[in-house]
Every structure is written in structure tokens, then in C-alpha cells.
Amino acid sequence: MTPAGHAALLAELRRLWSEERPKVVELVAWAAGLGDRSENADYQYGKRRLREIDRRVRFLRKRLERVQVVDPARQTRRHAIFFGATVTYAREDDREVTVTIVGVDEADSGAGRISWVSPVARALLGAGVGDLVRVRMPQGTESLEVVAIRYPAA
């Protein structure tokens, strides 16, 4: 995971635990004080939301204790594609696509961030500028040509 992705997960954990959960606990306590809980929508929704928050907090804590943070700015072999690289490649139809190879939790194809375990990233890893790589796609195999490789400044 990149340092930015790690910071985002930490921020989400802090927000859920310190801000959102206390508000929901307060709502549930207020709703419980109204009496009949079986027909109290505020109580039922609050309890459900509390379970969702607790489930996400457990997931984030486990994930953060196992994750390995890799800073792409410290990459010394910048001539090849490794984790954290921003890569521009040309497809067979001459369209150029720019993606950044990130951790599984950070992937967002709409923002151009692909997981290092995705088929495109796995094909690109280790390649250099000018290399042709073959990727198995749902519609068949496609050749991609690496046009540029960038890493964040150190």
C-alpha cells in the first residue's frame, strides 16, 4: 500500500471511531429511552448502523496491522515499472492510457489507479519504456506498449 492509501485508511478509521460512532451511540440511547423498541425506526436504524460501523472498524484495524507500506518515491530503479509507478501505455487502437499501480485497497479505475494484482498491472510490472506486453482481457489478448514511466519525487 502507498503512504497515501495508508493515511486514507487511518483517517477513515479515526473518523468512524471518533466522530460517527459516538453520534450513532447517542442516537440509539435517545431512541431506546422512548420506550417500545420493536416499532422504533430510529432505534432499529441506529443499531443497524452501529453494527456496520463496528464491522468496518474491525476490518480497518486488521487491515492496517497487516499492511506493508511501500513509498514509490524511494524507488531507485526508475527505468522499469514497479509498485507505485504511474505508467502511460498505448493500446492497439492507438489510445494512450495512464494508470498508477497501487494497493488493492486504493484501486479506483475511474481515477486511474489500478491494483497491482490486476491483469494489466501484472503484465506491466518489470517492463520498461518501449516494451510490448501482452494482456489477457475478457475480449481476448491485447498488446500494450509502454510509453512513459513516472515515480513521485523523492
N, C-alpha and C. Protein backbone atom coordinates (compact mmCIF):
# COMPACT_ATOMS: atom_id res chain seq x y z
N MET A 1 0.85 -1.16 0.00
CA MET A 1 0.00 0.00 0.00
C MET A 1 0.90 1.23 0.00
N THR A 2 0.46 2.27 -0.69
CA THR A 2 1.23 3.51 -0.71
C THR A 2 1.00 4.29 0.58
N PRO A 3 1.88 5.21 0.92
CA PRO A 3 1.68 6.02 2.13
C PRO A 3 0.35 6.79 2.09
N ALA A 4 -0.04 7.27 0.92
CA ALA A 4 -1.31 7.99 0.79
C ALA A 4 -2.50 7.08 1.09
N GLY A 5 -2.45 5.85 0.60
CA GLY A 5 -3.52 4.89 0.87
C GLY A 5 -3.59 4.53 2.34
N HIS A 6 -2.43 4.37 2.96
CA HIS A 6 -2.36 4.07 4.39
C HIS A 6 -2.97 5.21 5.19
N ALA A 7 -2.61 6.43 4.83
CA ALA A 7 -3.15 7.61 5.53
C ALA A 7 -4.66 7.71 5.35
N ALA A 8 -5.17 7.35 4.17
CA ALA A 8 -6.61 7.41 3.93
C ALA A 8 -7.36 6.40 4.80
N LEU A 9 -6.81 5.18 4.94
CA LEU A 9 -7.45 4.17 5.79
C LEU A 9 -7.41 4.59 7.25
N LEU A 10 -6.29 5.15 7.68
CA LEU A 10 -6.19 5.65 9.06
C LEU A 10 -7.20 6.76 9.32
N ALA A 11 -7.35 7.66 8.36
CA ALA A 11 -8.31 8.77 8.50
C ALA A 11 -9.73 8.24 8.58
N GLU A 12 -10.04 7.24 7.76
CA GLU A 12 -11.38 6.65 7.81
C GLU A 12 -11.63 5.99 9.16
N LEU A 13 -10.65 5.26 9.66
CA LEU A 13 -10.79 4.61 10.97
C LEU A 13 -11.01 5.64 12.07
N ARG A 14 -10.22 6.69 12.07
CA ARG A 14 -10.38 7.75 13.09
C ARG A 14 -11.74 8.41 13.00
N ARG A 15 -12.19 8.69 11.77
CA ARG A 15 -13.49 9.35 11.58
C ARG A 15 -14.63 8.45 12.08
N LEU A 16 -14.58 7.18 11.72
CA LEU A 16 -15.63 6.26 12.17
C LEU A 16 -15.64 6.13 13.69
N TRP A 17 -14.48 5.95 14.29
CA TRP A 17 -14.39 5.67 15.72
C TRP A 17 -14.62 6.91 16.57
N SER A 18 -14.10 8.05 16.13
CA SER A 18 -14.14 9.26 16.97
C SER A 18 -15.31 10.19 16.68
N GLU A 19 -15.84 10.13 15.49
CA GLU A 19 -16.91 11.06 15.13
C GLU A 19 -18.26 10.37 14.91
N GLU A 20 -18.28 9.44 13.94
CA GLU A 20 -19.56 8.85 13.56
C GLU A 20 -20.13 7.91 14.62
N ARG A 21 -19.30 7.03 15.18
CA ARG A 21 -19.81 6.06 16.16
C ARG A 21 -20.40 6.74 17.40
N PRO A 22 -19.73 7.74 17.99
CA PRO A 22 -20.34 8.39 19.16
C PRO A 22 -21.70 9.03 18.85
N LYS A 23 -21.86 9.59 17.66
CA LYS A 23 -23.15 10.18 17.29
C LYS A 23 -24.24 9.12 17.20
N VAL A 24 -23.91 7.98 16.62
CA VAL A 24 -24.89 6.90 16.48
C VAL A 24 -25.22 6.30 17.85
N VAL A 25 -24.23 6.16 18.71
CA VAL A 25 -24.47 5.65 20.07
C VAL A 25 -25.42 6.60 20.80
N GLU A 26 -25.21 7.88 20.65
CA GLU A 26 -26.09 8.86 21.28
C GLU A 26 -27.52 8.75 20.75
N LEU A 27 -27.67 8.58 19.43
CA LEU A 27 -28.99 8.42 18.82
C LEU A 27 -29.68 7.16 19.33
N VAL A 28 -28.94 6.06 19.42
CA VAL A 28 -29.51 4.80 19.89
C VAL A 28 -29.95 4.92 21.35
N ALA A 29 -29.15 5.58 22.17
CA ALA A 29 -29.50 5.76 23.58
C ALA A 29 -30.76 6.62 23.71
N TRP A 30 -30.86 7.67 22.91
CA TRP A 30 -32.05 8.52 22.93
C TRP A 30 -33.28 7.72 22.49
N ALA A 31 -33.14 6.96 21.37
CA ALA A 31 -34.26 6.19 20.84
C ALA A 31 -34.69 5.09 21.82
N ALA A 32 -33.73 4.48 22.52
CA ALA A 32 -34.06 3.44 23.49
C ALA A 32 -34.85 4.00 24.65
N GLY A 33 -34.60 5.27 24.98
CA GLY A 33 -35.31 5.90 26.09
C GLY A 33 -36.76 6.23 25.77
N LEU A 34 -37.14 6.12 24.50
CA LEU A 34 -38.52 6.43 24.10
C LEU A 34 -39.50 5.31 24.40
N GLY A 35 -38.97 4.14 24.72
CA GLY A 35 -39.88 3.04 25.06
C GLY A 35 -39.80 1.90 24.08
N ASP A 36 -40.96 1.52 23.52
CA ASP A 36 -41.09 0.34 22.66
C ASP A 36 -40.06 0.35 21.52
N ARG A 37 -39.12 -0.56 21.60
CA ARG A 37 -38.04 -0.60 20.61
C ARG A 37 -38.43 -1.37 19.36
N SER A 38 -39.45 -2.20 19.43
CA SER A 38 -39.82 -3.04 18.29
C SER A 38 -40.37 -2.21 17.13
N GLU A 39 -40.97 -1.07 17.40
CA GLU A 39 -41.52 -0.23 16.34
C GLU A 39 -40.82 1.12 16.26
N ASN A 40 -39.65 1.21 16.83
CA ASN A 40 -38.90 2.46 16.86
C ASN A 40 -37.86 2.44 15.74
N ALA A 41 -38.15 3.15 14.64
CA ALA A 41 -37.27 3.15 13.47
C ALA A 41 -35.91 3.75 13.78
N ASP A 42 -35.87 4.80 14.60
CA ASP A 42 -34.58 5.41 14.96
C ASP A 42 -33.69 4.40 15.69
N TYR A 43 -34.29 3.65 16.59
CA TYR A 43 -33.53 2.66 17.35
C TYR A 43 -33.02 1.55 16.42
N GLN A 44 -33.92 1.02 15.59
CA GLN A 44 -33.54 -0.08 14.71
C GLN A 44 -32.49 0.35 13.69
N TYR A 45 -32.68 1.53 13.08
CA TYR A 45 -31.69 2.02 12.12
C TYR A 45 -30.36 2.27 12.83
N GLY A 46 -30.41 2.88 14.00
CA GLY A 46 -29.19 3.17 14.74
C GLY A 46 -28.41 1.92 15.09
N LYS A 47 -29.10 0.88 15.56
CA LYS A 47 -28.43 -0.38 15.89
C LYS A 47 -27.80 -1.00 14.64
N ARG A 48 -28.52 -0.94 13.53
CA ARG A 48 -28.00 -1.50 12.27
C ARG A 48 -26.76 -0.72 11.84
N ARG A 49 -26.83 0.62 11.92
CA ARG A 49 -25.69 1.45 11.53
C ARG A 49 -24.51 1.22 12.47
N LEU A 50 -24.78 1.02 13.73
CA LEU A 50 -23.72 0.74 14.70
C LEU A 50 -22.99 -0.57 14.35
N ARG A 51 -23.75 -1.59 13.96
CA ARG A 51 -23.14 -2.86 13.55
C ARG A 51 -22.27 -2.67 12.30
N GLU A 52 -22.76 -1.86 11.35
CA GLU A 52 -21.99 -1.59 10.13
C GLU A 52 -20.68 -0.88 10.47
N ILE A 53 -20.75 0.11 11.33
CA ILE A 53 -19.55 0.86 11.73
C ILE A 53 -18.57 -0.07 12.43
N ASP A 54 -19.06 -0.87 13.37
CA ASP A 54 -18.18 -1.78 14.10
C ASP A 54 -17.53 -2.80 13.18
N ARG A 55 -18.28 -3.29 12.20
CA ARG A 55 -17.74 -4.25 11.23
C ARG A 55 -16.61 -3.60 10.41
N ARG A 56 -16.84 -2.37 9.94
CA ARG A 56 -15.83 -1.66 9.15
C ARG A 56 -14.60 -1.32 10.01
N VAL A 57 -14.81 -0.94 11.26
CA VAL A 57 -13.70 -0.63 12.17
C VAL A 57 -12.84 -1.88 12.39
N ARG A 58 -13.48 -3.03 12.61
CA ARG A 58 -12.73 -4.29 12.78
C ARG A 58 -11.91 -4.59 11.53
N PHE A 59 -12.54 -4.44 10.36
CA PHE A 59 -11.84 -4.69 9.10
C PHE A 59 -10.64 -3.77 8.96
N LEU A 60 -10.83 -2.47 9.19
CA LEU A 60 -9.75 -1.49 9.04
C LEU A 60 -8.60 -1.77 10.00
N ARG A 61 -8.92 -2.11 11.24
CA ARG A 61 -7.86 -2.40 12.22
C ARG A 61 -7.04 -3.61 11.81
N LYS A 62 -7.71 -4.68 11.37
CA LYS A 62 -7.00 -5.87 10.93
C LYS A 62 -6.16 -5.57 9.70
N ARG A 63 -6.73 -4.83 8.78
CA ARG A 63 -6.03 -4.49 7.54
C ARG A 63 -4.80 -3.64 7.82
N LEU A 64 -4.94 -2.66 8.69
CA LEU A 64 -3.83 -1.76 8.98
C LEU A 64 -2.69 -2.44 9.74
N GLU A 65 -3.01 -3.47 10.51
CA GLU A 65 -1.92 -4.13 11.22
C GLU A 65 -1.17 -5.12 10.33
N ARG A 66 -1.76 -5.52 9.20
CA ARG A 66 -1.09 -6.45 8.29
C ARG A 66 -0.47 -5.78 7.08
N VAL A 67 -0.85 -4.56 6.79
CA VAL A 67 -0.45 -3.91 5.55
C VAL A 67 1.04 -3.55 5.54
N GLN A 68 1.63 -3.61 4.37
CA GLN A 68 3.02 -3.20 4.20
C GLN A 68 3.01 -1.92 3.37
N VAL A 69 3.52 -0.84 3.93
CA VAL A 69 3.55 0.45 3.26
C VAL A 69 4.83 0.55 2.44
N VAL A 70 4.66 0.85 1.14
CA VAL A 70 5.79 0.98 0.23
C VAL A 70 5.72 2.37 -0.38
N ASP A 71 6.78 3.15 -0.19
CA ASP A 71 6.83 4.51 -0.72
C ASP A 71 7.44 4.48 -2.12
N PRO A 72 6.63 4.74 -3.16
CA PRO A 72 7.16 4.70 -4.52
C PRO A 72 8.21 5.78 -4.79
N ALA A 73 8.23 6.84 -3.99
CA ALA A 73 9.23 7.90 -4.18
C ALA A 73 10.64 7.40 -3.87
N ARG A 74 10.73 6.33 -3.12
CA ARG A 74 12.04 5.78 -2.74
C ARG A 74 12.55 4.74 -3.75
N GLN A 75 11.79 4.52 -4.82
CA GLN A 75 12.19 3.55 -5.85
C GLN A 75 13.49 4.02 -6.51
N THR A 76 14.48 3.16 -6.54
CA THR A 76 15.77 3.52 -7.15
C THR A 76 15.85 3.09 -8.61
N ARG A 77 15.15 2.04 -8.97
CA ARG A 77 15.18 1.55 -10.36
C ARG A 77 13.99 2.14 -11.11
N ARG A 78 14.10 3.39 -11.48
CA ARG A 78 13.00 4.13 -12.09
C ARG A 78 12.85 3.88 -13.59
N HIS A 79 13.68 3.05 -14.17
CA HIS A 79 13.59 2.75 -15.60
C HIS A 79 12.59 1.63 -15.89
N ALA A 80 12.13 0.97 -14.84
CA ALA A 80 11.19 -0.15 -15.01
C ALA A 80 9.95 0.11 -14.16
N ILE A 81 8.90 -0.65 -14.44
CA ILE A 81 7.62 -0.48 -13.76
C ILE A 81 7.58 -1.36 -12.52
N PHE A 82 7.37 -0.69 -11.39
CA PHE A 82 7.19 -1.38 -10.12
C PHE A 82 6.01 -0.75 -9.40
N PHE A 83 5.71 -1.26 -8.22
CA PHE A 83 4.60 -0.75 -7.41
C PHE A 83 4.73 0.76 -7.23
N GLY A 84 3.65 1.48 -7.43
CA GLY A 84 3.62 2.93 -7.24
C GLY A 84 3.93 3.73 -8.49
N ALA A 85 4.33 3.08 -9.55
CA ALA A 85 4.66 3.79 -10.79
C ALA A 85 3.39 4.31 -11.47
N THR A 86 3.53 5.46 -12.09
CA THR A 86 2.48 5.97 -12.97
C THR A 86 2.95 5.67 -14.38
N VAL A 87 2.14 4.91 -15.10
CA VAL A 87 2.54 4.39 -16.40
C VAL A 87 1.58 4.88 -17.48
N THR A 88 2.16 5.32 -18.58
CA THR A 88 1.37 5.63 -19.77
C THR A 88 1.67 4.54 -20.78
N TYR A 89 0.62 3.92 -21.29
CA TYR A 89 0.81 2.88 -22.30
C TYR A 89 -0.14 3.11 -23.46
N ALA A 90 0.25 2.60 -24.62
CA ALA A 90 -0.57 2.73 -25.83
C ALA A 90 -1.23 1.38 -26.10
N ARG A 91 -2.52 1.45 -26.37
CA ARG A 91 -3.26 0.23 -26.71
C ARG A 91 -3.15 -0.03 -28.20
N GLU A 92 -3.68 -1.14 -28.65
CA GLU A 92 -3.61 -1.49 -30.07
C GLU A 92 -4.37 -0.50 -30.95
N ASP A 93 -5.40 0.15 -30.39
CA ASP A 93 -6.17 1.12 -31.18
C ASP A 93 -5.56 2.53 -31.09
N ASP A 94 -4.30 2.62 -30.64
CA ASP A 94 -3.52 3.86 -30.52
C ASP A 94 -4.01 4.82 -29.44
N ARG A 95 -4.94 4.39 -28.59
CA ARG A 95 -5.34 5.23 -27.44
C ARG A 95 -4.27 5.09 -26.37
N GLU A 96 -3.93 6.22 -25.75
CA GLU A 96 -2.98 6.18 -24.64
C GLU A 96 -3.75 6.22 -23.33
N VAL A 97 -3.33 5.39 -22.40
CA VAL A 97 -3.97 5.28 -21.09
C VAL A 97 -2.89 5.49 -20.03
N THR A 98 -3.22 6.27 -19.01
CA THR A 98 -2.29 6.49 -17.91
C THR A 98 -2.90 5.92 -16.64
N VAL A 99 -2.13 5.07 -15.97
CA VAL A 99 -2.59 4.44 -14.73
C VAL A 99 -1.48 4.49 -13.69
N THR A 100 -1.87 4.44 -12.43
CA THR A 100 -0.91 4.33 -11.33
C THR A 100 -1.16 2.98 -10.66
N ILE A 101 -0.09 2.24 -10.43
CA ILE A 101 -0.20 0.91 -9.82
C ILE A 101 -0.15 1.07 -8.31
N VAL A 102 -1.24 0.70 -7.65
CA VAL A 102 -1.39 0.90 -6.21
C VAL A 102 -1.85 -0.40 -5.54
N GLY A 103 -2.05 -0.33 -4.23
CA GLY A 103 -2.51 -1.47 -3.46
C GLY A 103 -3.98 -1.78 -3.72
N VAL A 104 -4.40 -2.95 -3.32
CA VAL A 104 -5.76 -3.42 -3.54
C VAL A 104 -6.80 -2.47 -2.95
N ASP A 105 -6.54 -1.95 -1.74
CA ASP A 105 -7.50 -1.08 -1.06
C ASP A 105 -7.58 0.31 -1.68
N GLU A 106 -6.61 0.67 -2.49
CA GLU A 106 -6.55 2.01 -3.07
C GLU A 106 -7.08 2.07 -4.50
N ALA A 107 -7.29 0.92 -5.11
CA ALA A 107 -7.66 0.86 -6.52
C ALA A 107 -8.96 1.61 -6.80
N ASP A 108 -8.95 2.38 -7.87
CA ASP A 108 -10.11 3.13 -8.34
C ASP A 108 -9.90 3.38 -9.82
N SER A 109 -10.47 2.51 -10.65
CA SER A 109 -10.21 2.59 -12.08
C SER A 109 -10.68 3.91 -12.68
N GLY A 110 -11.72 4.50 -12.13
CA GLY A 110 -12.20 5.78 -12.62
C GLY A 110 -11.20 6.90 -12.41
N ALA A 111 -10.37 6.77 -11.38
CA ALA A 111 -9.34 7.77 -11.08
C ALA A 111 -7.98 7.36 -11.65
N GLY A 112 -7.93 6.25 -12.39
CA GLY A 112 -6.68 5.82 -12.99
C GLY A 112 -5.75 5.09 -12.04
N ARG A 113 -6.27 4.56 -10.95
CA ARG A 113 -5.47 3.79 -10.00
C ARG A 113 -5.88 2.33 -10.09
N ILE A 114 -4.95 1.48 -10.51
CA ILE A 114 -5.26 0.06 -10.66
C ILE A 114 -4.47 -0.74 -9.64
N SER A 115 -5.06 -1.83 -9.19
CA SER A 115 -4.44 -2.71 -8.22
C SER A 115 -3.25 -3.43 -8.84
N TRP A 116 -2.23 -3.66 -8.04
CA TRP A 116 -1.05 -4.36 -8.54
C TRP A 116 -1.34 -5.81 -8.91
N VAL A 117 -2.50 -6.34 -8.50
CA VAL A 117 -2.86 -7.71 -8.86
C VAL A 117 -3.78 -7.78 -10.08
N SER A 118 -4.12 -6.63 -10.65
CA SER A 118 -4.98 -6.62 -11.83
C SER A 118 -4.20 -7.17 -13.03
N PRO A 119 -4.89 -7.71 -14.03
CA PRO A 119 -4.18 -8.28 -15.19
C PRO A 119 -3.28 -7.26 -15.90
N VAL A 120 -3.73 -6.03 -16.05
CA VAL A 120 -2.92 -5.02 -16.74
C VAL A 120 -1.67 -4.72 -15.92
N ALA A 121 -1.81 -4.50 -14.63
CA ALA A 121 -0.66 -4.19 -13.78
C ALA A 121 0.33 -5.35 -13.75
N ARG A 122 -0.17 -6.57 -13.64
CA ARG A 122 0.72 -7.73 -13.59
C ARG A 122 1.52 -7.86 -14.88
N ALA A 123 0.88 -7.53 -16.01
CA ALA A 123 1.59 -7.59 -17.28
C ALA A 123 2.63 -6.48 -17.38
N LEU A 124 2.33 -5.31 -16.83
CA LEU A 124 3.25 -4.17 -16.92
C LEU A 124 4.43 -4.26 -15.97
N LEU A 125 4.27 -4.91 -14.83
CA LEU A 125 5.34 -4.96 -13.82
C LEU A 125 6.65 -5.49 -14.41
N GLY A 126 7.71 -4.73 -14.22
CA GLY A 126 9.03 -5.11 -14.70
C GLY A 126 9.35 -4.61 -16.10
N ALA A 127 8.36 -4.14 -16.83
CA ALA A 127 8.59 -3.66 -18.20
C ALA A 127 9.22 -2.27 -18.18
N GLY A 128 9.83 -1.88 -19.28
CA GLY A 128 10.43 -0.56 -19.42
C GLY A 128 9.82 0.18 -20.58
N VAL A 129 10.23 1.42 -20.76
CA VAL A 129 9.70 2.24 -21.86
C VAL A 129 10.06 1.57 -23.19
N GLY A 130 9.07 1.48 -24.07
CA GLY A 130 9.25 0.85 -25.38
C GLY A 130 8.92 -0.63 -25.41
N ASP A 131 8.78 -1.25 -24.25
CA ASP A 131 8.46 -2.68 -24.21
C ASP A 131 7.02 -2.94 -24.60
N LEU A 132 6.81 -4.07 -25.26
CA LEU A 132 5.46 -4.53 -25.58
C LEU A 132 5.10 -5.63 -24.59
N VAL A 133 3.94 -5.52 -23.99
CA VAL A 133 3.47 -6.57 -23.08
C VAL A 133 2.12 -7.06 -23.57
N ARG A 134 1.84 -8.31 -23.30
CA ARG A 134 0.56 -8.90 -23.72
C ARG A 134 -0.30 -9.10 -22.48
N VAL A 135 -1.57 -8.70 -22.62
CA VAL A 135 -2.51 -8.79 -21.52
C VAL A 135 -3.72 -9.59 -21.98
N ARG A 136 -4.12 -10.53 -21.14
CA ARG A 136 -5.35 -11.29 -21.44
C ARG A 136 -6.53 -10.50 -20.90
N MET A 137 -7.39 -10.08 -21.80
CA MET A 137 -8.59 -9.32 -21.46
C MET A 137 -9.81 -10.21 -21.73
N PRO A 138 -10.98 -9.83 -21.22
CA PRO A 138 -12.18 -10.63 -21.49
C PRO A 138 -12.48 -10.77 -22.99
N GLN A 139 -12.14 -9.74 -23.78
CA GLN A 139 -12.41 -9.79 -25.21
C GLN A 139 -11.26 -10.41 -26.00
N GLY A 140 -10.22 -10.88 -25.32
CA GLY A 140 -9.08 -11.52 -25.98
C GLY A 140 -7.77 -10.93 -25.51
N THR A 141 -6.68 -11.35 -26.13
CA THR A 141 -5.36 -10.87 -25.77
C THR A 141 -5.07 -9.56 -26.49
N GLU A 142 -4.45 -8.62 -25.77
CA GLU A 142 -4.13 -7.32 -26.35
C GLU A 142 -2.68 -6.99 -26.04
N SER A 143 -2.02 -6.32 -26.99
CA SER A 143 -0.65 -5.86 -26.78
C SER A 143 -0.67 -4.41 -26.33
N LEU A 144 0.14 -4.10 -25.33
CA LEU A 144 0.26 -2.74 -24.83
C LEU A 144 1.72 -2.33 -24.95
N GLU A 145 1.96 -1.09 -25.39
CA GLU A 145 3.33 -0.58 -25.48
C GLU A 145 3.53 0.47 -24.39
N VAL A 146 4.56 0.29 -23.59
CA VAL A 146 4.86 1.24 -22.52
C VAL A 146 5.45 2.50 -23.14
N VAL A 147 4.79 3.65 -22.88
CA VAL A 147 5.21 4.92 -23.46
C VAL A 147 6.02 5.74 -22.45
N ALA A 148 5.59 5.75 -21.17
CA ALA A 148 6.29 6.53 -20.16
C ALA A 148 6.10 5.91 -18.78
N ILE A 149 7.11 6.12 -17.92
CA ILE A 149 7.07 5.65 -16.54
C ILE A 149 7.47 6.83 -15.65
N ARG A 150 6.65 7.10 -14.63
CA ARG A 150 6.97 8.18 -13.69
C ARG A 150 6.80 7.67 -12.26
N TYR A 151 7.62 8.19 -11.40
CA TYR A 151 7.51 7.94 -9.95
C TYR A 151 7.42 9.28 -9.26
N PRO A 152 6.80 9.35 -8.08
CA PRO A 152 6.77 10.61 -7.33
C PRO A 152 8.19 11.05 -6.98
N ALA A 153 8.38 12.35 -6.84
CA ALA A 153 9.69 12.87 -6.46
C ALA A 153 10.06 12.43 -5.05
N ALA A 154 11.33 12.18 -4.86
CA ALA A 154 11.80 11.71 -3.55
C ALA A 154 11.77 12.80 -2.51
